[in-house]
Protein backbone atom coordinates (compact mmCIF):
# COMPACT_ATOMS: atom_id res chain seq x y z
CA MET A 1 13.94 -23.28 -3.55
CA GLY A 2 11.80 -20.52 -5.23
CA LYS A 3 9.79 -17.40 -3.71
CA THR A 4 6.68 -17.89 -2.24
CA ASN A 5 3.70 -15.85 -3.86
CA VAL A 6 2.96 -13.34 -1.21
CA GLU A 7 -0.46 -12.13 -1.03
CA LEU A 8 -1.76 -8.79 0.64
CA LEU A 9 -5.73 -9.97 1.64
CA ARG A 10 -7.69 -6.14 1.33
CA SER A 11 -10.96 -5.02 2.49
CA GLU A 12 -10.90 -8.42 5.18
CA GLY A 13 -14.46 -8.96 5.91
CA GLY A 14 -15.91 -6.39 3.63
CA THR A 15 -17.85 -7.24 0.22
CA LYS A 16 -14.88 -6.18 -1.61
CA GLU A 17 -12.33 -8.65 -0.05
CA GLU A 18 -9.83 -10.02 -1.85
CA ARG A 19 -6.10 -11.22 -2.03
CA VAL A 20 -3.89 -9.19 -4.47
CA PRO A 21 -0.15 -10.45 -5.28
CA ILE A 22 2.00 -7.74 -3.57
CA ALA A 23 3.72 -7.04 -6.86
CA LYS A 24 0.40 -6.11 -8.19
CA VAL A 25 -0.34 -3.57 -5.20
CA VAL A 26 -0.96 -0.20 -6.71
CA ILE A 27 -0.85 2.98 -4.66
CA PRO A 28 -2.83 5.89 -6.47
CA ASP A 29 -0.83 9.13 -7.07
CA ILE A 30 -2.64 11.53 -4.67
CA TRP A 31 0.24 13.78 -4.09
CA HIS A 32 -1.01 16.12 -6.40
CA ILE A 33 -4.55 16.14 -5.01
CA ALA A 34 -3.44 16.45 -1.58
CA ILE A 35 -0.98 19.57 -2.42
CA ALA A 36 -4.14 21.39 -3.97
CA MET A 37 -5.78 21.11 -0.76
CA PRO A 38 -6.33 24.79 0.88
CA ASP A 39 -6.28 23.35 4.39
CA SER A 40 -2.49 22.59 5.70
CA ASP A 41 -4.10 20.10 8.16
CA ALA A 42 -5.72 18.16 6.19
CA ARG A 43 -2.94 18.03 3.50
CA ASP A 44 -0.79 17.00 5.80
CA LYS A 45 -3.00 13.91 6.96
CA VAL A 46 -3.47 12.88 3.00
CA LEU A 47 0.26 13.12 2.58
CA GLU A 48 1.24 11.56 5.64
CA VAL A 49 -1.27 8.61 5.08
CA TRP A 50 0.33 8.35 1.17
CA HIS A 51 3.76 8.05 2.73
CA LEU A 52 2.46 5.70 5.33
CA ALA A 53 1.06 3.45 2.21
CA HIS A 54 4.36 3.54 0.07
CA ASP A 55 6.47 2.45 3.48
CA LEU A 56 4.11 -0.13 4.37
CA LEU A 57 4.23 -1.67 0.82
CA LYS A 58 7.95 -1.61 0.57
CA HIS A 59 8.26 -3.26 3.71
CA ALA A 60 5.83 -6.01 2.43
CA SER A 61 7.87 -6.30 -0.80
CA LYS A 62 11.34 -6.93 1.06
CA GLN A 63 9.44 -9.51 3.58
CA ALA A 64 8.35 -11.17 0.45
CA SER A 65 11.19 -11.59 -1.11
CA LEU A 66 13.21 -13.10 2.19
CA ARG A 67 10.49 -15.40 2.05
CA LYS A 68 11.21 -18.91 0.38
CA ASP A 69 9.04 -22.42 0.12
């Protein structure tokens, strides 16, 4: 059996709702933008969300690789 084509439902219920294969999900590189922010509290929050997005994508990719038809 082959691996299933696992998709992420983005913007569910919104005007830009779409299904995207996990392998095609791209997280923008906002690291340099965040580092340039003068407010350290805001910068830390932006970086936390950036790290969380990468962690969630890694987890979803692992789960997708474990799924079988």
